[in-house]
Amino acid sequence: MKKWIVLLLLPLFFQAKAQDNYNSPEVKQKGFDPSKLFTGGSANVGFSSGSTSLGITPQIGYSLTPWLDAGINFNINYLSVKYYVSQDKVRQTTFGPGAFVRIFPVNFLFASGQFEYNSIHVKSIPNVGPTQKYSLDAKSFLIGAGYAGGRENGGNSYYYLSIMWDVYGDINSPYRDQYGNMSPVIRAGYNIGLFQKRYKKRTSDEYYIK
């Protein structure tokens, strides 16, 4: 009888042991960690007298450390301008790839740097005369700072608001006004952490298998 009880209890013991090892924080995720991946992006909407600006910047990135995010993005922006005095119109479409980094000195504040290589397609519609079309390329290096909300220690799901300026100096930059002055680039977005159900953050600098 005792032998049968022991035999019946053995599978339960091994199952409990296996579950304990699976949940143990001693098992670290080594190498590439999918839980550090994130996607998302930002959007910008601007309206002023005679102009409208709409844009989105989808992105995918990786949390290298609890205080450093890096990734790649793709910038798409549309600008429409109407000059009321001359009644001329300008339509501008901008798109191109980029790369970014965000440094978090504290959980809710970050400094950011972003390089972009944009193709700019312009359609000029004068009140009198034929429509003109031309294309330009421009390099931009945006630097600035921002606020991140809902970000835990090392977490990568959060919303953010940032303001940046293009310091590269390209005269064709879409982030400079008609006089060549830097215009502030204000963006609001959201980071979505990937694979969060399978992997769980346990400490401020390491990811463990849940």
C-alpha atoms as a PDB file:
ATOM      1  CA  MET A   1       0.000   0.000   0.000  1.00  0.00           C
ATOM      2  CA  LYS A   2       2.797   2.412   0.912  1.00  0.00           C
ATOM      3  CA  LYS A   3       4.511   1.649  -2.399  1.00  0.00           C
ATOM      4  CA  TRP A   4       1.357   2.610  -4.315  1.00  0.00           C
ATOM      5  CA  ILE A   5       1.067   5.889  -2.384  1.00  0.00           C
ATOM      6  CA  VAL A   6       4.697   6.717  -3.148  1.00  0.00           C
ATOM      7  CA  LEU A   7       4.209   5.928  -6.838  1.00  0.00           C
ATOM      8  CA  LEU A   8       1.110   8.121  -6.977  1.00  0.00           C
ATOM      9  CA  LEU A   9       2.843  11.037  -5.263  1.00  0.00           C
ATOM     10  CA  LEU A  10       6.009  10.951  -7.383  1.00  0.00           C
ATOM     11  CA  PRO A  11       4.422  12.504 -10.522  1.00  0.00           C
ATOM     12  CA  LEU A  12       2.926  15.285  -8.404  1.00  0.00           C
ATOM     13  CA  PHE A  13       6.329  15.967  -6.852  1.00  0.00           C
ATOM     14  CA  PHE A  14       8.104  16.211 -10.200  1.00  0.00           C
ATOM     15  CA  GLN A  15       5.338  18.382 -11.668  1.00  0.00           C
ATOM     16  CA  ALA A  16       5.547  20.790  -8.737  1.00  0.00           C
ATOM     17  CA  LYS A  17       9.349  20.848  -8.995  1.00  0.00           C
ATOM     18  CA  ALA A  18       9.232  21.592 -12.717  1.00  0.00           C
ATOM     19  CA  GLN A  19       6.712  24.387 -12.185  1.00  0.00           C
ATOM     20  CA  ASP A  20       8.878  25.857  -9.433  1.00  0.00           C
ATOM     21  CA  ASN A  21      11.946  25.842 -11.690  1.00  0.00           C
ATOM     22  CA  TYR A  22       9.962  27.437 -14.504  1.00  0.00           C
ATOM     23  CA  ASN A  23       8.813  30.285 -12.282  1.00  0.00           C
ATOM     24  CA  SER A  24      12.118  30.671 -10.465  1.00  0.00           C
ATOM     25  CA  PRO A  25      13.789  34.064 -10.908  1.00  0.00           C
ATOM     26  CA  GLU A  26      17.104  32.263 -11.079  1.00  0.00           C
ATOM     27  CA  VAL A  27      16.335  31.341 -14.708  1.00  0.00           C
ATOM     28  CA  LYS A  28      17.517  34.343 -16.677  1.00  0.00           C
ATOM     29  CA  GLN A  29      16.784  35.183 -20.282  1.00  0.00           C
ATOM     30  CA  LYS A  30      20.215  35.309 -21.900  1.00  0.00           C
ATOM     31  CA  GLY A  31      21.227  36.890 -25.179  1.00  0.00           C
ATOM     32  CA  PHE A  32      18.503  38.429 -27.320  1.00  0.00           C
ATOM     33  CA  ASP A  33      15.436  39.068 -25.171  1.00  0.00           C
ATOM     34  CA  PRO A  34      12.122  39.408 -27.090  1.00  0.00           C
ATOM     35  CA  SER A  35      10.492  41.168 -24.139  1.00  0.00           C
ATOM     36  CA  LYS A  36      12.775  44.156 -24.728  1.00  0.00           C
ATOM     37  CA  LEU A  37      11.331  44.726 -28.201  1.00  0.00           C
ATOM     38  CA  PHE A  38       8.793  47.474 -28.706  1.00  0.00           C
ATOM     39  CA  THR A  39       6.840  49.026 -31.536  1.00  0.00           C
ATOM     40  CA  GLY A  40       4.523  51.997 -31.850  1.00  0.00           C
ATOM     41  CA  GLY A  41       5.311  55.456 -33.101  1.00  0.00           C
ATOM     42  CA  SER A  42       4.297  59.073 -32.985  1.00  0.00           C
ATOM     43  CA  ALA A  43       1.964  61.470 -34.749  1.00  0.00           C
ATOM     44  CA  ASN A  44       2.053  65.178 -35.331  1.00  0.00           C
ATOM     45  CA  VAL A  45      -0.774  67.493 -36.308  1.00  0.00           C
ATOM     46  CA  GLY A  46      -0.294  71.186 -36.928  1.00  0.00           C
ATOM     47  CA  PHE A  47      -2.608  73.966 -38.015  1.00  0.00           C
ATOM     48  CA  SER A  48      -1.859  77.625 -38.526  1.00  0.00           C
ATOM     49  CA  SER A  49      -3.081  80.472 -40.671  1.00  0.00           C
ATOM     50  CA  GLY A  50      -3.070  79.052 -44.181  1.00  0.00           C
ATOM     51  CA  SER A  51      -1.185  75.817 -43.429  1.00  0.00           C
ATOM     52  CA  THR A  52      -1.897  72.267 -42.335  1.00  0.00           C
ATOM     53  CA  SER A  53       0.660  69.632 -41.333  1.00  0.00           C
ATOM     54  CA  LEU A  54      -0.082  65.942 -40.743  1.00  0.00           C
ATOM     55  CA  GLY A  55       2.449  63.206 -40.058  1.00  0.00           C
ATOM     56  CA  ILE A  56       3.099  59.787 -38.585  1.00  0.00           C
ATOM     57  CA  THR A  57       6.350  58.072 -37.632  1.00  0.00           C
ATOM     58  CA  PRO A  58       6.004  54.298 -37.074  1.00  0.00           C
ATOM     59  CA  GLN A  59       8.937  52.676 -35.318  1.00  0.00           C
ATOM     60  CA  ILE A  60      10.387  49.479 -33.904  1.00  0.00           C
ATOM     61  CA  GLY A  61      13.068  49.376 -31.250  1.00  0.00           C
ATOM     62  CA  TYR A  62      14.862  47.546 -28.477  1.00  0.00           C
ATOM     63  CA  SER A  63      15.536  48.480 -24.849  1.00  0.00           C
ATOM     64  CA  LEU A  64      19.303  48.023 -24.617  1.00  0.00           C
ATOM     65  CA  THR A  65      19.311  48.881 -20.908  1.00  0.00           C
ATOM     66  CA  PRO A  66      16.681  50.189 -18.458  1.00  0.00           C
ATOM     67  CA  TRP A  67      17.819  53.712 -19.351  1.00  0.00           C
ATOM     68  CA  LEU A  68      18.562  53.416 -23.099  1.00  0.00           C
ATOM     69  CA  ASP A  69      16.193  52.699 -26.005  1.00  0.00           C
ATOM     70  CA  ALA A  70      17.233  52.549 -29.656  1.00  0.00           C
ATOM     71  CA  GLY A  71      15.504  51.692 -32.894  1.00  0.00           C
ATOM     72  CA  ILE A  72      14.567  52.538 -36.458  1.00  0.00           C
ATOM     73  CA  ASN A  73      11.627  54.506 -37.797  1.00  0.00           C
ATOM     74  CA  PHE A  74       9.987  55.697 -40.992  1.00  0.00           C
ATOM     75  CA  ASN A  75       8.832  59.286 -41.314  1.00  0.00           C
ATOM     76  CA  ILE A  76       5.772  60.314 -43.358  1.00  0.00           C
ATOM     77  CA  ASN A  77       4.549  63.905 -43.411  1.00  0.00           C
ATOM     78  CA  TYR A  78       2.179  66.013 -45.495  1.00  0.00           C
ATOM     79  CA  LEU A  79       2.179  69.814 -45.571  1.00  0.00           C
ATOM     80  CA  SER A  80      -0.297  72.131 -47.262  1.00  0.00           C
ATOM     81  CA  VAL A  81       0.262  75.894 -47.434  1.00  0.00           C
ATOM     82  CA  LYS A  82      -1.884  78.639 -48.935  1.00  0.00           C
ATOM     83  CA  TYR A  83      -0.622  82.208 -49.246  1.00  0.00           C
ATOM     84  CA  TYR A  84      -3.627  84.464 -48.875  1.00  0.00           C
ATOM     85  CA  VAL A  85      -2.076  87.549 -50.477  1.00  0.00           C
ATOM     86  CA  SER A  86      -0.889  85.869 -53.681  1.00  0.00           C
ATOM     87  CA  GLN A  87      -3.337  82.930 -53.491  1.00  0.00           C
ATOM     88  CA  ASP A  88      -0.445  80.602 -54.350  1.00  0.00           C
ATOM     89  CA  LYS A  89      -0.519  77.078 -52.922  1.00  0.00           C
ATOM     90  CA  VAL A  90       2.161  74.557 -52.006  1.00  0.00           C
ATOM     91  CA  ARG A  91       1.711  70.838 -51.352  1.00  0.00           C
ATOM     92  CA  GLN A  92       4.655  68.975 -49.852  1.00  0.00           C
ATOM     93  CA  THR A  93       5.027  65.261 -49.109  1.00  0.00           C
ATOM     94  CA  THR A  94       8.002  64.076 -47.065  1.00  0.00           C
ATOM     95  CA  PHE A  95       9.034  60.506 -46.287  1.00  0.00           C
ATOM     96  CA  GLY A  96      12.171  58.603 -45.373  1.00  0.00           C
ATOM     97  CA  PRO A  97      13.905  56.210 -42.962  1.00  0.00           C
ATOM     98  CA  GLY A  98      15.601  57.109 -39.721  1.00  0.00           C
ATOM     99  CA  ALA A  99      17.162  55.866 -36.499  1.00  0.00           C
ATOM    100  CA  PHE A 100      16.732  57.101 -32.941  1.00  0.00           C
ATOM    101  CA  VAL A 101      17.999  56.795 -29.371  1.00  0.00           C
ATOM    102  CA  ARG A 102      16.363  57.832 -26.098  1.00  0.00           C
ATOM    103  CA  ILE A 103      18.298  58.239 -22.861  1.00  0.00           C
ATOM    104  CA  PHE A 104      16.355  58.215 -19.585  1.00  0.00           C
ATOM    105  CA  PRO A 105      18.201  59.939 -16.710  1.00  0.00           C
ATOM    106  CA  VAL A 106      14.989  59.373 -14.726  1.00  0.00           C
ATOM    107  CA  ASN A 107      11.973  57.201 -15.521  1.00  0.00           C
ATOM    108  CA  PHE A 108       9.724  59.984 -16.784  1.00  0.00           C
ATOM    109  CA  LEU A 109      12.192  62.245 -18.622  1.00  0.00           C
ATOM    110  CA  PHE A 110      14.380  61.492 -21.628  1.00  0.00           C
ATOM    111  CA  ALA A 111      16.835  63.106 -24.006  1.00  0.00           C
ATOM    112  CA  SER A 112      16.462  62.042 -27.625  1.00  0.00           C
ATOM    113  CA  GLY A 113      18.440  62.046 -30.836  1.00  0.00           C
ATOM    114  CA  GLN A 114      17.066  61.061 -34.226  1.00  0.00           C
ATOM    115  CA  PHE A 115      18.666  60.927 -37.669  1.00  0.00           C
ATOM    116  CA  GLU A 116      16.456  61.086 -40.752  1.00  0.00           C
ATOM    117  CA  TYR A 117      17.074  60.952 -44.488  1.00  0.00           C
ATOM    118  CA  ASN A 118      13.990  62.380 -46.153  1.00  0.00           C
ATOM    119  CA  SER A 119      12.800  62.615 -49.731  1.00  0.00           C
ATOM    120  CA  ILE A 120      10.739  65.753 -50.254  1.00  0.00           C
ATOM    121  CA  HIS A 121       8.273  66.083 -53.126  1.00  0.00           C
ATOM    122  CA  VAL A 122       6.888  69.564 -53.712  1.00  0.00           C
ATOM    123  CA  LYS A 123       3.972  70.681 -55.858  1.00  0.00           C
ATOM    124  CA  SER A 124       3.774  74.442 -56.349  1.00  0.00           C
ATOM    125  CA  ILE A 125       0.429  75.762 -57.578  1.00  0.00           C
ATOM    126  CA  PRO A 126       0.665  79.479 -58.408  1.00  0.00           C
ATOM    127  CA  ASN A 127      -2.441  81.603 -58.758  1.00  0.00           C
ATOM    128  CA  VAL A 128      -1.247  82.536 -62.225  1.00  0.00           C
ATOM    129  CA  GLY A 129       0.896  80.253 -64.343  1.00  0.00           C
ATOM    130  CA  PRO A 130       1.587  76.535 -64.662  1.00  0.00           C
ATOM    131  CA  THR A 131       1.958  74.112 -61.769  1.00  0.00           C
ATOM    132  CA  GLN A 132       5.533  73.145 -60.944  1.00  0.00           C
ATOM    133  CA  LYS A 133       6.797  69.925 -59.390  1.00  0.00           C
ATOM    134  CA  TYR A 134      10.242  69.162 -58.016  1.00  0.00           C
ATOM    135  CA  SER A 135      11.943  66.818 -55.558  1.00  0.00           C
ATOM    136  CA  LEU A 136      14.649  67.288 -52.940  1.00  0.00           C
ATOM    137  CA  ASP A 137      16.602  65.156 -50.495  1.00  0.00           C
ATOM    138  CA  ALA A 138      17.489  66.313 -47.010  1.00  0.00           C
ATOM    139  CA  LYS A 139      19.370  64.987 -44.014  1.00  0.00           C
ATOM    140  CA  SER A 140      18.207  65.914 -40.529  1.00  0.00           C
ATOM    141  CA  PHE A 141      19.530  65.319 -37.047  1.00  0.00           C
ATOM    142  CA  LEU A 142      16.884  66.059 -34.442  1.00  0.00           C
ATOM    143  CA  ILE A 143      17.803  66.516 -30.802  1.00  0.00           C
ATOM    144  CA  GLY A 144      15.554  67.368 -27.896  1.00  0.00           C
ATOM    145  CA  ALA A 145      13.848  66.073 -24.794  1.00  0.00           C
ATOM    146  CA  GLY A 146      10.539  64.653 -23.719  1.00  0.00           C
ATOM    147  CA  TYR A 147       8.227  63.340 -21.042  1.00  0.00           C
ATOM    148  CA  ALA A 148       7.313  59.637 -20.712  1.00  0.00           C
ATOM    149  CA  GLY A 149       4.245  58.568 -18.758  1.00  0.00           C
ATOM    150  CA  GLY A 150       3.385  55.110 -17.419  1.00  0.00           C
ATOM    151  CA  ARG A 151       6.953  53.890 -17.669  1.00  0.00           C
ATOM    152  CA  GLU A 152       8.091  51.525 -14.910  1.00  0.00           C
ATOM    153  CA  ASN A 153      11.738  50.706 -14.127  1.00  0.00           C
ATOM    154  CA  GLY A 154      13.134  49.533 -17.437  1.00  0.00           C
ATOM    155  CA  GLY A 155       9.652  49.075 -18.888  1.00  0.00           C
ATOM    156  CA  ASN A 156       9.074  49.702 -22.585  1.00  0.00           C
ATOM    157  CA  SER A 157       5.327  50.413 -22.746  1.00  0.00           C
ATOM    158  CA  TYR A 158       4.642  54.093 -22.236  1.00  0.00           C
ATOM    159  CA  TYR A 159       3.271  57.224 -23.869  1.00  0.00           C
ATOM    160  CA  TYR A 160       5.477  60.208 -24.543  1.00  0.00           C
ATOM    161  CA  LEU A 161       5.546  63.820 -25.669  1.00  0.00           C
ATOM    162  CA  SER A 162       8.720  65.305 -27.125  1.00  0.00           C
ATOM    163  CA  ILE A 163      10.046  68.499 -28.638  1.00  0.00           C
ATOM    164  CA  MET A 164      13.089  68.492 -30.935  1.00  0.00           C
ATOM    165  CA  TRP A 165      15.031  70.740 -33.298  1.00  0.00           C
ATOM    166  CA  ASP A 166      16.954  69.913 -36.469  1.00  0.00           C
ATOM    167  CA  VAL A 167      20.570  70.910 -35.853  1.00  0.00           C
ATOM    168  CA  TYR A 168      22.058  69.328 -38.995  1.00  0.00           C
ATOM    169  CA  GLY A 169      21.874  72.519 -41.036  1.00  0.00           C
ATOM    170  CA  ASP A 170      20.611  71.182 -44.378  1.00  0.00           C
ATOM    171  CA  ILE A 171      18.939  74.074 -46.229  1.00  0.00           C
ATOM    172  CA  ASN A 172      16.342  71.642 -47.631  1.00  0.00           C
ATOM    173  CA  SER A 173      15.306  70.409 -44.196  1.00  0.00           C
ATOM    174  CA  PRO A 174      11.525  70.087 -43.773  1.00  0.00           C
ATOM    175  CA  TYR A 175      12.043  71.298 -40.191  1.00  0.00           C
ATOM    176  CA  ARG A 176      13.190  74.807 -41.148  1.00  0.00           C
ATOM    177  CA  ASP A 177      10.997  77.723 -42.107  1.00  0.00           C
ATOM    178  CA  GLN A 178      11.217  79.798 -45.295  1.00  0.00           C
ATOM    179  CA  TYR A 179      13.939  81.937 -43.695  1.00  0.00           C
ATOM    180  CA  GLY A 180      16.100  78.932 -42.756  1.00  0.00           C
ATOM    181  CA  ASN A 181      15.332  79.114 -39.044  1.00  0.00           C
ATOM    182  CA  MET A 182      14.846  75.943 -37.017  1.00  0.00           C
ATOM    183  CA  SER A 183      11.208  75.111 -36.297  1.00  0.00           C
ATOM    184  CA  PRO A 184      10.305  73.051 -33.218  1.00  0.00           C
ATOM    185  CA  VAL A 185       9.213  69.486 -33.977  1.00  0.00           C
ATOM    186  CA  ILE A 186       6.550  68.403 -31.477  1.00  0.00           C
ATOM    187  CA  ARG A 187       5.541  64.749 -31.460  1.00  0.00           C
ATOM    188  CA  ALA A 188       3.271  62.641 -29.274  1.00  0.00           C
ATOM    189  CA  GLY A 189       3.352  58.863 -29.397  1.00  0.00           C
ATOM    190  CA  TYR A 190       3.122  55.524 -27.677  1.00  0.00           C
ATOM    191  CA  ASN A 191       5.547  52.650 -27.181  1.00  0.00           C
ATOM    192  CA  ILE A 192       4.014  49.173 -27.126  1.00  0.00           C
ATOM    193  CA  GLY A 193       6.125  46.491 -25.457  1.00  0.00           C
ATOM    194  CA  LEU A 194       6.074  43.198 -27.355  1.00  0.00           C
ATOM    195  CA  PHE A 195       5.837  39.657 -25.930  1.00  0.00           C
ATOM    196  CA  GLN A 196       4.911  40.994 -22.487  1.00  0.00           C
ATOM    197  CA  LYS A 197       2.588  38.069 -21.690  1.00  0.00           C
ATOM    198  CA  ARG A 198       5.329  35.509 -22.129  1.00  0.00           C
ATOM    199  CA  TYR A 199       8.169  37.451 -20.542  1.00  0.00           C
ATOM    200  CA  LYS A 200       8.015  39.503 -17.357  1.00  0.00           C
ATOM    201  CA  LYS A 201      10.390  42.091 -15.935  1.00  0.00           C
ATOM    202  CA  ARG A 202      11.581  41.099 -12.432  1.00  0.00           C
ATOM    203  CA  THR A 203      14.387  43.555 -11.671  1.00  0.00           C
ATOM    204  CA  SER A 204      15.530  46.940 -12.908  1.00  0.00           C
ATOM    205  CA  ASP A 205      18.232  45.567 -15.170  1.00  0.00           C
ATOM    206  CA  GLU A 206      17.384  41.965 -16.048  1.00  0.00           C
ATOM    207  CA  TYR A 207      14.520  40.203 -17.805  1.00  0.00           C
ATOM    208  CA  TYR A 208      13.441  36.754 -16.683  1.00  0.00           C
ATOM    209  CA  ILE A 209      11.221  34.071 -18.124  1.00  0.00           C
ATOM    210  CA  LYS A 210       7.823  34.218 -16.500  1.00  0.00           C
END
